[in-house]
Full PDB file with SEQRES, HELIX, SHEET, SSBOND, CRYST1, ORIGX, SCALE, CONECT and MASTER records, all heavy atoms in Angstrom:
SEQRES   1 A   41  PHE SER ASP PRO LEU ALA ASP GLY PRO THR ILE GLN ASP          
SEQRES   2 A   41  SER SER THR ALA ALA LEU LYS ASN GLY MET THR THR GLU          
SEQRES   3 A   41  VAL LEU PHE LYS GLN LEU GLU GLY ILE ARG GLU THR VAL          
SEQRES   4 A   41  SER ILE                                                      
HELIX    1 AA1 PRO A    9  ASN A   21  1                                  13    
HELIX    2 AA2 THR A   25  GLN A   31  1                                   7    
HELIX    3 AA3 ILE A   35  GLU A   37  5                                   3    
CRYST1    1.000    1.000    1.000  90.00  90.00  90.00 P 1           1          
ORIGX1      1.000000  0.000000  0.000000        0.00000                         
ORIGX2      0.000000  1.000000  0.000000        0.00000                         
ORIGX3      0.000000  0.000000  1.000000        0.00000                         
SCALE1      1.000000  0.000000  0.000000        0.00000                         
SCALE2      0.000000  1.000000  0.000000        0.00000                         
SCALE3      0.000000  0.000000  1.000000        0.00000                         
ATOM      1  N   PHE A   1      72.069  -4.296 -79.954  1.00  0.00           N  
ATOM      2  CA  PHE A   1      70.889  -5.146 -79.763  1.00  0.00           C  
ATOM      3  C   PHE A   1      70.637  -5.246 -78.262  1.00  0.00           C  
ATOM      4  O   PHE A   1      71.567  -5.192 -77.459  1.00  0.00           O  
ATOM      5  CB  PHE A   1      71.152  -6.531 -80.381  1.00  0.00           C  
ATOM      6  CG  PHE A   1      70.000  -7.493 -80.255  1.00  0.00           C  
ATOM      7  CD1 PHE A   1      68.730  -7.145 -80.691  1.00  0.00           C  
ATOM      8  CD2 PHE A   1      70.196  -8.761 -79.720  1.00  0.00           C  
ATOM      9  CE1 PHE A   1      67.667  -8.043 -80.579  1.00  0.00           C  
ATOM     10  CE2 PHE A   1      69.135  -9.666 -79.609  1.00  0.00           C  
ATOM     11  CZ  PHE A   1      67.870  -9.299 -80.044  1.00  0.00           C  
ATOM     12  N   SER A   2      69.377  -5.410 -77.897  1.00  0.00           N  
ATOM     13  CA  SER A   2      68.997  -5.375 -76.477  1.00  0.00           C  
ATOM     14  C   SER A   2      69.441  -6.603 -75.683  1.00  0.00           C  
ATOM     15  O   SER A   2      69.469  -6.571 -74.466  1.00  0.00           O  
ATOM     16  CB  SER A   2      67.475  -5.226 -76.366  1.00  0.00           C  
ATOM     17  OG  SER A   2      66.848  -6.256 -77.112  1.00  0.00           O  
ATOM     18  N   ASP A   3      69.802  -7.691 -76.368  1.00  0.00           N  
ATOM     19  CA  ASP A   3      70.171  -8.923 -75.657  1.00  0.00           C  
ATOM     20  C   ASP A   3      71.430  -9.532 -76.270  1.00  0.00           C  
ATOM     21  O   ASP A   3      71.391 -10.604 -76.878  1.00  0.00           O  
ATOM     22  CB  ASP A   3      69.000  -9.918 -75.733  1.00  0.00           C  
ATOM     23  CG  ASP A   3      69.210 -11.127 -74.824  1.00  0.00           C  
ATOM     24  OD1 ASP A   3      70.022 -11.020 -73.881  1.00  0.00           O  
ATOM     25  OD2 ASP A   3      68.585 -12.165 -75.071  1.00  0.00           O  
ATOM     26  N   PRO A   4      72.570  -8.842 -76.103  1.00  0.00           N  
ATOM     27  CA  PRO A   4      73.801  -9.255 -76.797  1.00  0.00           C  
ATOM     28  C   PRO A   4      74.536 -10.387 -76.088  1.00  0.00           C  
ATOM     29  O   PRO A   4      75.380 -10.177 -75.224  1.00  0.00           O  
ATOM     30  CB  PRO A   4      74.634  -7.964 -76.797  1.00  0.00           C  
ATOM     31  CG  PRO A   4      74.177  -7.228 -75.574  1.00  0.00           C  
ATOM     32  CD  PRO A   4      72.767  -7.647 -75.284  1.00  0.00           C  
ATOM     33  N   LEU A   5      74.254 -11.633 -76.480  1.00  0.00           N  
ATOM     34  CA  LEU A   5      74.722 -12.818 -75.753  1.00  0.00           C  
ATOM     35  C   LEU A   5      76.234 -12.944 -75.650  1.00  0.00           C  
ATOM     36  O   LEU A   5      76.750 -13.424 -74.660  1.00  0.00           O  
ATOM     37  CB  LEU A   5      74.169 -14.080 -76.440  1.00  0.00           C  
ATOM     38  CG  LEU A   5      72.655 -14.174 -76.570  1.00  0.00           C  
ATOM     39  CD1 LEU A   5      72.277 -15.379 -77.406  1.00  0.00           C  
ATOM     40  CD2 LEU A   5      72.014 -14.248 -75.195  1.00  0.00           C  
ATOM     41  N   ALA A   6      76.962 -12.563 -76.700  1.00  0.00           N  
ATOM     42  CA  ALA A   6      78.410 -12.812 -76.712  1.00  0.00           C  
ATOM     43  C   ALA A   6      79.226 -11.663 -76.144  1.00  0.00           C  
ATOM     44  O   ALA A   6      80.435 -11.743 -76.078  1.00  0.00           O  
ATOM     45  CB  ALA A   6      78.865 -13.097 -78.151  1.00  0.00           C  
ATOM     46  N   ASP A   7      78.544 -10.590 -75.748  1.00  0.00           N  
ATOM     47  CA  ASP A   7      79.283  -9.382 -75.360  1.00  0.00           C  
ATOM     48  C   ASP A   7      79.453  -9.279 -73.857  1.00  0.00           C  
ATOM     49  O   ASP A   7      78.545  -9.581 -73.085  1.00  0.00           O  
ATOM     50  CB  ASP A   7      78.559  -8.139 -75.891  1.00  0.00           C  
ATOM     51  CG  ASP A   7      78.519  -8.106 -77.406  1.00  0.00           C  
ATOM     52  OD1 ASP A   7      79.548  -8.452 -78.004  1.00  0.00           O  
ATOM     53  OD2 ASP A   7      77.484  -7.757 -77.981  1.00  0.00           O  
ATOM     54  N   GLY A   8      80.634  -8.816 -73.466  1.00  0.00           N  
ATOM     55  CA  GLY A   8      80.908  -8.537 -72.067  1.00  0.00           C  
ATOM     56  C   GLY A   8      80.300  -7.205 -71.664  1.00  0.00           C  
ATOM     57  O   GLY A   8      79.680  -6.509 -72.464  1.00  0.00           O  
ATOM     58  N   PRO A   9      80.497  -6.800 -70.387  1.00  0.00           N  
ATOM     59  CA  PRO A   9      79.822  -5.612 -69.853  1.00  0.00           C  
ATOM     60  C   PRO A   9      80.142  -4.317 -70.602  1.00  0.00           C  
ATOM     61  O   PRO A   9      79.271  -3.477 -70.777  1.00  0.00           O  
ATOM     62  CB  PRO A   9      80.283  -5.546 -68.395  1.00  0.00           C  
ATOM     63  CG  PRO A   9      81.377  -6.552 -68.251  1.00  0.00           C  
ATOM     64  CD  PRO A   9      81.225  -7.541 -69.346  1.00  0.00           C  
ATOM     65  N   THR A  10      81.378  -4.163 -71.077  1.00  0.00           N  
ATOM     66  CA  THR A  10      81.746  -2.904 -71.749  1.00  0.00           C  
ATOM     67  C   THR A  10      80.920  -2.705 -73.008  1.00  0.00           C  
ATOM     68  O   THR A  10      80.338  -1.631 -73.228  1.00  0.00           O  
ATOM     69  CB  THR A  10      83.249  -2.915 -72.107  1.00  0.00           C  
ATOM     70  OG1 THR A  10      84.008  -3.041 -70.897  1.00  0.00           O  
ATOM     71  CG2 THR A  10      83.652  -1.648 -72.825  1.00  0.00           C  
ATOM     72  N   ILE A  11      80.860  -3.734 -73.843  1.00  0.00           N  
ATOM     73  CA  ILE A  11      80.120  -3.601 -75.104  1.00  0.00           C  
ATOM     74  C   ILE A  11      78.613  -3.621 -74.841  1.00  0.00           C  
ATOM     75  O   ILE A  11      77.855  -2.904 -75.498  1.00  0.00           O  
ATOM     76  CB  ILE A  11      80.575  -4.669 -76.113  1.00  0.00           C  
ATOM     77  CG1 ILE A  11      82.019  -4.353 -76.551  1.00  0.00           C  
ATOM     78  CG2 ILE A  11      79.649  -4.727 -77.329  1.00  0.00           C  
ATOM     79  CD1 ILE A  11      82.665  -5.369 -77.466  1.00  0.00           C  
ATOM     80  N   GLN A  12      78.169  -4.393 -73.842  1.00  0.00           N  
ATOM     81  CA  GLN A  12      76.744  -4.353 -73.482  1.00  0.00           C  
ATOM     82  C   GLN A  12      76.327  -2.942 -73.090  1.00  0.00           C  
ATOM     83  O   GLN A  12      75.284  -2.438 -73.535  1.00  0.00           O  
ATOM     84  CB  GLN A  12      76.464  -5.299 -72.299  1.00  0.00           C  
ATOM     85  CG  GLN A  12      76.338  -6.749 -72.704  1.00  0.00           C  
ATOM     86  CD  GLN A  12      75.805  -7.618 -71.570  1.00  0.00           C  
ATOM     87  OE1 GLN A  12      75.217  -7.132 -70.612  1.00  0.00           O  
ATOM     88  NE2 GLN A  12      76.009  -8.920 -71.685  1.00  0.00           N  
ATOM     89  N   ASP A  13      77.142  -2.302 -72.263  1.00  0.00           N  
ATOM     90  CA  ASP A  13      76.805  -0.941 -71.810  1.00  0.00           C  
ATOM     91  C   ASP A  13      76.787   0.035 -72.981  1.00  0.00           C  
ATOM     92  O   ASP A  13      75.922   0.911 -73.053  1.00  0.00           O  
ATOM     93  CB  ASP A  13      77.820  -0.457 -70.754  1.00  0.00           C  
ATOM     94  CG  ASP A  13      77.683  -1.199 -69.429  1.00  0.00           C  
ATOM     95  OD1 ASP A  13      76.670  -1.911 -69.251  1.00  0.00           O  
ATOM     96  OD2 ASP A  13      78.585  -1.074 -68.577  1.00  0.00           O  
ATOM     97  N   SER A  14      77.732  -0.128 -73.911  1.00  0.00           N  
ATOM     98  CA  SER A  14      77.754   0.775 -75.066  1.00  0.00           C  
ATOM     99  C   SER A  14      76.539   0.538 -75.960  1.00  0.00           C  
ATOM    100  O   SER A  14      75.975   1.484 -76.529  1.00  0.00           O  
ATOM    101  CB  SER A  14      79.061   0.611 -75.868  1.00  0.00           C  
ATOM    102  OG  SER A  14      79.112  -0.636 -76.545  1.00  0.00           O  
ATOM    103  N   SER A  15      76.100  -0.722 -76.071  1.00  0.00           N  
ATOM    104  CA  SER A  15      74.908  -1.041 -76.860  1.00  0.00           C  
ATOM    105  C   SER A  15      73.661  -0.419 -76.236  1.00  0.00           C  
ATOM    106  O   SER A  15      72.821   0.151 -76.935  1.00  0.00           O  
ATOM    107  CB  SER A  15      74.714  -2.553 -76.967  1.00  0.00           C  
ATOM    108  OG  SER A  15      75.696  -3.119 -77.790  1.00  0.00           O  
ATOM    109  N   THR A  16      73.553  -0.542 -74.912  1.00  0.00           N  
ATOM    110  CA  THR A  16      72.407   0.049 -74.206  1.00  0.00           C  
ATOM    111  C   THR A  16      72.371   1.556 -74.429  1.00  0.00           C  
ATOM    112  O   THR A  16      71.317   2.135 -74.729  1.00  0.00           O  
ATOM    113  CB  THR A  16      72.490  -0.266 -72.696  1.00  0.00           C  
ATOM    114  OG1 THR A  16      72.512  -1.687 -72.532  1.00  0.00           O  
ATOM    115  CG2 THR A  16      71.316   0.308 -71.934  1.00  0.00           C  
ATOM    116  N   ALA A  17      73.545   2.196 -74.308  1.00  0.00           N  
ATOM    117  CA  ALA A  17      73.620   3.653 -74.510  1.00  0.00           C  
ATOM    118  C   ALA A  17      73.275   4.027 -75.948  1.00  0.00           C  
ATOM    119  O   ALA A  17      72.542   4.998 -76.189  1.00  0.00           O  
ATOM    120  CB  ALA A  17      75.017   4.158 -74.145  1.00  0.00           C  
ATOM    121  N   ALA A  18      73.776   3.248 -76.923  1.00  0.00           N  
ATOM    122  CA  ALA A  18      73.503   3.547 -78.330  1.00  0.00           C  
ATOM    123  C   ALA A  18      72.013   3.420 -78.637  1.00  0.00           C  
ATOM    124  O   ALA A  18      71.445   4.242 -79.376  1.00  0.00           O  
ATOM    125  CB  ALA A  18      74.314   2.614 -79.230  1.00  0.00           C  
ATOM    126  N   LEU A  19      71.369   2.394 -78.076  1.00  0.00           N  
ATOM    127  CA  LEU A  19      69.924   2.237 -78.275  1.00  0.00           C  
ATOM    128  C   LEU A  19      69.170   3.426 -77.668  1.00  0.00           C  
ATOM    129  O   LEU A  19      68.242   3.956 -78.281  1.00  0.00           O  
ATOM    130  CB  LEU A  19      69.432   0.919 -77.657  1.00  0.00           C  
ATOM    131  CG  LEU A  19      69.913  -0.367 -78.367  1.00  0.00           C  
ATOM    132  CD1 LEU A  19      69.601  -1.595 -77.513  1.00  0.00           C  
ATOM    133  CD2 LEU A  19      69.295  -0.517 -79.749  1.00  0.00           C  
ATOM    134  N   LYS A  20      69.613   3.857 -76.493  1.00  0.00           N  
ATOM    135  CA  LYS A  20      68.985   5.039 -75.865  1.00  0.00           C  
ATOM    136  C   LYS A  20      69.222   6.286 -76.713  1.00  0.00           C  
ATOM    137  O   LYS A  20      68.385   7.181 -76.764  1.00  0.00           O  
ATOM    138  CB  LYS A  20      69.554   5.248 -74.451  1.00  0.00           C  
ATOM    139  CG  LYS A  20      68.959   4.304 -73.422  1.00  0.00           C  
ATOM    140  CD  LYS A  20      69.499   4.587 -72.034  1.00  0.00           C  
ATOM    141  CE  LYS A  20      68.968   3.578 -71.035  1.00  0.00           C  
ATOM    142  NZ  LYS A  20      69.729   3.603 -69.775  1.00  0.00           N  
ATOM    143  N   ASN A  21      70.379   6.346 -77.370  1.00  0.00           N  
ATOM    144  CA  ASN A  21      70.688   7.488 -78.251  1.00  0.00           C  
ATOM    145  C   ASN A  21      69.785   7.515 -79.487  1.00  0.00           C  
ATOM    146  O   ASN A  21      69.714   8.527 -80.172  1.00  0.00           O  
ATOM    147  CB  ASN A  21      72.151   7.428 -78.721  1.00  0.00           C  
ATOM    148  CG  ASN A  21      73.147   7.738 -77.617  1.00  0.00           C  
ATOM    149  OD1 ASN A  21      72.780   8.289 -76.591  1.00  0.00           O  
ATOM    150  ND2 ASN A  21      74.410   7.379 -77.826  1.00  0.00           N  
ATOM    151  N   GLY A  22      69.155   6.357 -79.773  1.00  0.00           N  
ATOM    152  CA  GLY A  22      68.256   6.302 -80.923  1.00  0.00           C  
ATOM    153  C   GLY A  22      68.776   5.472 -82.083  1.00  0.00           C  
ATOM    154  O   GLY A  22      68.225   5.527 -83.188  1.00  0.00           O  
ATOM    155  N   MET A  23      69.833   4.685 -81.852  1.00  0.00           N  
ATOM    156  CA  MET A  23      70.381   3.866 -82.943  1.00  0.00           C  
ATOM    157  C   MET A  23      69.440   2.716 -83.278  1.00  0.00           C  
ATOM    158  O   MET A  23      68.954   2.016 -82.397  1.00  0.00           O  
ATOM    159  CB  MET A  23      71.767   3.322 -82.552  1.00  0.00           C  
ATOM    160  CG  MET A  23      72.423   2.454 -83.615  1.00  0.00           C  
ATOM    161  SD  MET A  23      72.469   3.169 -85.273  1.00  0.00           S  
ATOM    162  CE  MET A  23      73.626   4.508 -85.071  1.00  0.00           C  
ATOM    163  N   THR A  24      69.188   2.559 -84.573  1.00  0.00           N  
ATOM    164  CA  THR A  24      68.392   1.437 -85.095  1.00  0.00           C  
ATOM    165  C   THR A  24      69.057   0.990 -86.394  1.00  0.00           C  
ATOM    166  O   THR A  24      69.975   1.650 -86.893  1.00  0.00           O  
ATOM    167  CB  THR A  24      66.949   1.872 -85.432  1.00  0.00           C  
ATOM    168  OG1 THR A  24      67.008   2.846 -86.499  1.00  0.00           O  
ATOM    169  CG2 THR A  24      66.226   2.473 -84.233  1.00  0.00           C  
ATOM    170  N   THR A  25      68.570  -0.112 -86.948  1.00  0.00           N  
ATOM    171  CA  THR A  25      69.081  -0.577 -88.240  1.00  0.00           C  
ATOM    172  C   THR A  25      68.902   0.511 -89.298  1.00  0.00           C  
ATOM    173  O   THR A  25      69.834   0.821 -90.052  1.00  0.00           O  
ATOM    174  CB  THR A  25      68.336  -1.861 -88.667  1.00  0.00           C  
ATOM    175  OG1 THR A  25      68.477  -2.839 -87.631  1.00  0.00           O  
ATOM    176  CG2 THR A  25      68.904  -2.412 -89.964  1.00  0.00           C  
ATOM    177  N   GLU A  26      67.724   1.113 -89.340  1.00  0.00           N  
ATOM    178  CA  GLU A  26      67.431   2.162 -90.333  1.00  0.00           C  
ATOM    179  C   GLU A  26      68.360   3.362 -90.161  1.00  0.00           C  
ATOM    180  O   GLU A  26      68.860   3.921 -91.142  1.00  0.00           O  
ATOM    181  CB  GLU A  26      65.972   2.628 -90.224  1.00  0.00           C  
ATOM    182  CG  GLU A  26      64.952   1.602 -90.668  1.00  0.00           C  
ATOM    183  CD  GLU A  26      64.822   1.514 -92.188  1.00  0.00           C  
ATOM    184  OE1 GLU A  26      65.642   2.118 -92.909  1.00  0.00           O  
ATOM    185  OE2 GLU A  26      63.894   0.821 -92.645  1.00  0.00           O  
ATOM    186  N   VAL A  27      68.580   3.763 -88.920  1.00  0.00           N  
ATOM    187  CA  VAL A  27      69.465   4.917 -88.654  1.00  0.00           C  
ATOM    188  C   VAL A  27      70.883   4.603 -89.103  1.00  0.00           C  
ATOM    189  O   VAL A  27      71.543   5.422 -89.747  1.00  0.00           O  
ATOM    190  CB  VAL A  27      69.415   5.312 -87.158  1.00  0.00           C  
ATOM    191  CG1 VAL A  27      70.510   6.330 -86.829  1.00  0.00           C  
ATOM    192  CG2 VAL A  27      68.046   5.887 -86.805  1.00  0.00           C  
ATOM    193  N   LEU A  28      71.360   3.399 -88.789  1.00  0.00           N  
ATOM    194  CA  LEU A  28      72.711   3.025 -89.201  1.00  0.00           C  
ATOM    195  C   LEU A  28      72.834   3.060 -90.723  1.00  0.00           C  
ATOM    196  O   LEU A  28      73.797   3.615 -91.270  1.00  0.00           O  
ATOM    197  CB  LEU A  28      73.085   1.640 -88.670  1.00  0.00           C  
ATOM    198  CG  LEU A  28      74.465   1.127 -89.117  1.00  0.00           C  
ATOM    199  CD1 LEU A  28      75.588   2.068 -88.665  1.00  0.00           C  
ATOM    200  CD2 LEU A  28      74.722  -0.283 -88.610  1.00  0.00           C  
ATOM    201  N   PHE A  29      71.883   2.465 -91.423  1.00  0.00           N  
ATOM    202  CA  PHE A  29      71.942   2.462 -92.883  1.00  0.00           C  
ATOM    203  C   PHE A  29      71.938   3.892 -93.427  1.00  0.00           C  
ATOM    204  O   PHE A  29      72.654   4.211 -94.374  1.00  0.00           O  
ATOM    205  CB  PHE A  29      70.775   1.658 -93.460  1.00  0.00           C  
ATOM    206  CG  PHE A  29      70.950   0.160 -93.349  1.00  0.00           C  
ATOM    207  CD1 PHE A  29      69.845  -0.686 -93.431  1.00  0.00           C  
ATOM    208  CD2 PHE A  29      72.201  -0.419 -93.183  1.00  0.00           C  
ATOM    209  CE1 PHE A  29      69.993  -2.070 -93.354  1.00  0.00           C  
ATOM    210  CE2 PHE A  29      72.366  -1.794 -93.098  1.00  0.00           C  
ATOM    211  CZ  PHE A  29      71.258  -2.625 -93.183  1.00  0.00           C  
ATOM    212  N   LYS A  30      71.160   4.773 -92.809  1.00  0.00           N  
ATOM    213  CA  LYS A  30      71.120   6.182 -93.242  1.00  0.00           C  
ATOM    214  C   LYS A  30      72.497   6.826 -93.035  1.00  0.00           C  
ATOM    215  O   LYS A  30      73.009   7.545 -93.898  1.00  0.00           O  
ATOM    216  CB  LYS A  30      70.052   6.916 -92.437  1.00  0.00           C  
ATOM    217  CG  LYS A  30      69.651   8.256 -92.982  1.00  0.00           C  
ATOM    218  CD  LYS A  30      68.623   8.096 -94.088  1.00  0.00           C  
ATOM    219  CE  LYS A  30      68.314   9.452 -94.722  1.00  0.00           C  
ATOM    220  NZ  LYS A  30      67.947   9.331 -96.132  1.00  0.00           N  
ATOM    221  N   GLN A  31      73.109   6.549 -91.877  1.00  0.00           N  
ATOM    222  CA  GLN A  31      74.429   7.125 -91.573  1.00  0.00           C  
ATOM    223  C   GLN A  31      75.499   6.654 -92.564  1.00  0.00           C  
ATOM    224  O   GLN A  31      76.420   7.401 -92.892  1.00  0.00           O  
ATOM    225  CB  GLN A  31      74.860   6.756 -90.149  1.00  0.00           C  
ATOM    226  CG  GLN A  31      74.067   7.459 -89.066  1.00  0.00           C  
ATOM    227  CD  GLN A  31      74.497   7.049 -87.658  1.00  0.00           C  
ATOM    228  OE1 GLN A  31      75.235   6.085 -87.477  1.00  0.00           O  
ATOM    229  NE2 GLN A  31      74.034   7.778 -86.667  1.00  0.00           N  
ATOM    230  N   LEU A  32      75.368   5.412 -93.023  1.00  0.00           N  
ATOM    231  CA  LEU A  32      76.404   4.827 -93.877  1.00  0.00           C  
ATOM    232  C   LEU A  32      76.243   5.173 -95.356  1.00  0.00           C  
ATOM    233  O   LEU A  32      77.091   4.800 -96.165  1.00  0.00           O  
ATOM    234  CB  LEU A  32      76.431   3.301 -93.699  1.00  0.00           C  
ATOM    235  CG  LEU A  32      76.864   2.794 -92.317  1.00  0.00           C  
ATOM    236  CD1 LEU A  32      76.752   1.279 -92.239  1.00  0.00           C  
ATOM    237  CD2 LEU A  32      78.280   3.247 -91.974  1.00  0.00           C  
ATOM    238  N   GLU A  33      75.189   5.881 -95.708  1.00  0.00           N  
ATOM    239  CA  GLU A  33      75.021   6.290 -97.103  1.00  0.00           C  
ATOM    240  C   GLU A  33      76.205   7.169 -97.517  1.00  0.00           C  
ATOM    241  O   GLU A  33      76.554   8.114 -96.828  1.00  0.00           O  
ATOM    242  CB  GLU A  33      73.696   7.048 -97.292  1.00  0.00           C  
ATOM    243  CG  GLU A  33      72.506   6.112 -97.367  1.00  0.00           C  
ATOM    244  CD  GLU A  33      71.177   6.853 -97.443  1.00  0.00           C  
ATOM    245  OE1 GLU A  33      71.179   8.082 -97.659  1.00  0.00           O  
ATOM    246  OE2 GLU A  33      70.130   6.190 -97.276  1.00  0.00           O  
ATOM    247  N   GLY A  34      76.846   6.797 -98.612  1.00  0.00           N  
ATOM    248  CA  GLY A  34      77.982   7.588 -99.100  1.00  0.00           C  
ATOM    249  C   GLY A  34      79.301   7.297 -98.401  1.00  0.00           C  
ATOM    250  O   GLY A  34      80.312   7.947 -98.678  1.00  0.00           O  
ATOM    251  N   ILE A  35      79.332   6.295 -97.508  1.00  0.00           N  
ATOM    252  CA  ILE A  35      80.568   6.008 -96.758  1.00  0.00           C  
ATOM    253  C   ILE A  35      81.718   5.640 -97.705  1.00  0.00           C  
ATOM    254  O   ILE A  35      82.879   5.939 -97.437  1.00  0.00           O  
ATOM    255  CB  ILE A  35      80.333   4.897 -95.698  1.00  0.00           C  
ATOM    256  CG1 ILE A  35      81.517   4.787 -94.711  1.00  0.00           C  
ATOM    257  CG2 ILE A  35      80.081   3.529 -96.340  1.00  0.00           C  
ATOM    258  CD1 ILE A  35      81.625   5.918 -93.748  1.00  0.00           C  
ATOM    259  N   ARG A  36      81.396   5.041 -98.847  1.00  0.00           N  
ATOM    260  CA  ARG A  36      82.453   4.616 -99.773  1.00  0.00           C  
ATOM    261  C   ARG A  36      83.064   5.776-100.551  1.00  0.00           C  
ATOM    262  O   ARG A  36      84.044   5.593-101.268  1.00  0.00           O  
ATOM    263  CB  ARG A  36      81.925   3.533-100.710  1.00  0.00           C  
ATOM    264  CG  ARG A  36      81.783   2.174-100.022  1.00  0.00           C  
ATOM    265  CD  ARG A  36      83.097   1.702 -99.471  1.00  0.00           C  
ATOM    266  NE  ARG A  36      83.028   0.465 -98.679  1.00  0.00           N  
ATOM    267  CZ  ARG A  36      83.995   0.063 -97.882  1.00  0.00           C  
ATOM    268  NH1 ARG A  36      85.087   0.798 -97.746  1.00  0.00           N  
ATOM    269  NH2 ARG A  36      83.888  -1.058 -97.207  1.00  0.00           N  
ATOM    270  N   GLU A  37      82.523   6.974-100.375  1.00  0.00           N  
ATOM    271  CA  GLU A  37      83.164   8.152-100.981  1.00  0.00           C  
ATOM    272  C   GLU A  37      84.418   8.542-100.204  1.00  0.00           C  
ATOM    273  O   GLU A  37      85.306   9.204-100.737  1.00  0.00           O  
ATOM    274  CB  GLU A  37      82.177   9.327-101.014  1.00  0.00           C  
ATOM    275  CG  GLU A  37      81.030   9.120-101.999  1.00  0.00           C  
ATOM    276  CD  GLU A  37      79.861  10.061-101.746  1.00  0.00           C  
ATOM    277  OE1 GLU A  37      80.074  11.134-101.130  1.00  0.00           O  
ATOM    278  OE2 GLU A  37      78.735   9.712-102.166  1.00  0.00           O  
ATOM    279  N   THR A  38      84.502   8.145 -98.929  1.00  0.00           N  
ATOM    280  CA  THR A  38      85.635   8.560 -98.097  1.00  0.00           C  
ATOM    281  C   THR A  38      86.414   7.408 -97.475  1.00  0.00           C  
ATOM    282  O   THR A  38      87.505   7.622 -96.950  1.00  0.00           O  
ATOM    283  CB  THR A  38      85.140   9.466 -96.942  1.00  0.00           C  
ATOM    284  OG1 THR A  38      84.140   8.772 -96.188  1.00  0.00           O  
ATOM    285  CG2 THR A  38      84.552  10.774 -97.479  1.00  0.00           C  
ATOM    286  N   VAL A  39      85.874   6.203 -97.510  1.00  0.00           N  
ATOM    287  CA  VAL A  39      86.506   5.070 -96.804  1.00  0.00           C  
ATOM    288  C   VAL A  39      86.694   3.907 -97.774  1.00  0.00           C  
ATOM    289  O   VAL A  39      85.761   3.538 -98.490  1.00  0.00           O  
ATOM    290  CB  VAL A  39      85.618   4.623 -95.604  1.00  0.00           C  
ATOM    291  CG1 VAL A  39      86.162   3.347 -94.976  1.00  0.00           C  
ATOM    292  CG2 VAL A  39      85.530   5.737 -94.572  1.00  0.00           C  
ATOM    293  N   SER A  40      87.904   3.330 -97.778  1.00  0.00           N  
ATOM    294  CA  SER A  40      88.175   2.243 -98.735  1.00  0.00           C  
ATOM    295  C   SER A  40      88.448   0.889 -98.074  1.00  0.00           C  
ATOM    296  O   SER A  40      88.453  -0.131 -98.754  1.00  0.00           O  
ATOM    297  CB  SER A  40      89.364   2.612 -99.630  1.00  0.00           C  
ATOM    298  OG  SER A  40      90.521   2.790 -98.847  1.00  0.00           O  
ATOM    299  N   ILE A  41      88.691   0.854 -96.758  1.00  0.00           N  
ATOM    300  CA  ILE A  41      89.011  -0.421 -96.108  1.00  0.00           C  
ATOM    301  C   ILE A  41      87.745  -1.261 -95.908  1.00  0.00           C  
ATOM    302  O   ILE A  41      86.632  -0.739 -95.966  1.00  0.00           O  
ATOM    303  CB  ILE A  41      89.750  -0.220 -94.760  1.00  0.00           C  
ATOM    304  CG1 ILE A  41      88.891   0.577 -93.772  1.00  0.00           C  
ATOM    305  CG2 ILE A  41      91.107   0.415 -94.970  1.00  0.00           C  
ATOM    306  CD1 ILE A  41      89.494   0.675 -92.367  1.00  0.00           C  
TER     307      ILE A  41                                                      
MASTER        0    0    0    3    0    0    0    6  306    1    0    4          
END                                                                             
């Protein structure tokens, strides 16, 4: 998220980079489709 109040600089920087990479809610949901076929935790 563009304004991460609880995050320190490391996670803020990673969030900024991820947003620049094109990460959105829709993209994340698309990536997670089928995740339960391989991950159980």
